[in-house]
Amino acid sequence: MSELLRGRVVVARSGFFEVDTTRGRMTAKLRGRLKREAWENDLVVVGDEVEVTPNERGEASIESVLPRRTRLSRRHPLSRGREREDVIAANVDLVLVAVSASRPVLRPRFVDRFLAIAEWNGIESALVVTKIDEAEDAPSIEALCTAYRAIGHEAFTTSVRSGVGIERVGMLLDTRTAVIVGPSGAGKSSLVRALEPALDIDIGEIGEQGKGKHTTRAAVLHRVRSGFVVDTPGIRELASFAIPEHELSRCFRDLDAVAQSCSFRDCLHLSEPGCAVRAAVDAGAILETRYETYVSLLRGDPE
């Protein structure tokens, strides 16, 4: 019987997986009996711990996938009619939501969606605003970060050119596995390389329409300092997967803090009388953009 090795998936691409094992990195494919299950589910993604059997050619077969500690997932952007889960990464401890202070334009609703999805999955999250040196209105960006800190989220402004904020982000990674997510062109790969300059990562440019190019073609797990970072392709469409409507407000810390004061226990914070959340929004205690993101997710709208 072939030797059974345990490893971690570091790259997943078109049915082939790069797995780090105690005997080095191996290219692996799913065992035939697992392929049928993989057809309907994201059976193996970057960050998964797997058991493989190697062969004499230095390749391997994935025999089993170990239970995941955590998963970061969204509704699959191509699913229509019925929801399908799209798992972005597994076994991560931290979600870094990276957005640009210049181009592409910073969209608070995109940030809020990822923070909410991370909250639902029980994963710590932080906002990282890149390219602060290119910001046309840096004080407004700093004010936005201050607002997120008040909610209870870590928030940083960074610049890979000047080095501002890079060490603060690096401290978050200590002995942990993080996944960095955001739109194309936000500077995710540049940030990873700034944290670990020895990494060989392609860096893209921003097009004339202010949209980034997909230089990261597949999610890749990198060793960064004393931790790991999953660098992901740019994400343009983001919707939650399977968050019950009456649980959604708990994924927004500022909404959840006042929701207990609503007149009705099953309040969805739309037009119900005596809604404490709506009152807090009207009073300016909750950002309007945060509430709009909540309503959009509640309705199942894609970003």
Foldseek 3Di string as FASTA:
>chain_A
DFDKWKWFWFFDDDQWTWTQTPVGIAIEGEDPVCVVVVVQAVQDAGGWIFIWGADPVRHIYTDHTDDFPFWQWFFPPPDDPDTGIDTQHTNFAEEEEFAELAFPHDDVLVVLQRLLSCVVRVHAYAYEYEPCVPHPCNVVVVVVQVVVVVLPHHYAYAYLVVGGPLVVVVVVFAQGEYEYAAAAPRCQVVSQCSQPVVDDADDWHADPVRGHDFSPPTWGWDDGDNHIYTYGTGDDKGAHDPDDLQCSLVSRSQSVVQQVQAPDSSDSPDPDPRGRSVVCCVVVVDPPSSVVSSVCNSVRHID
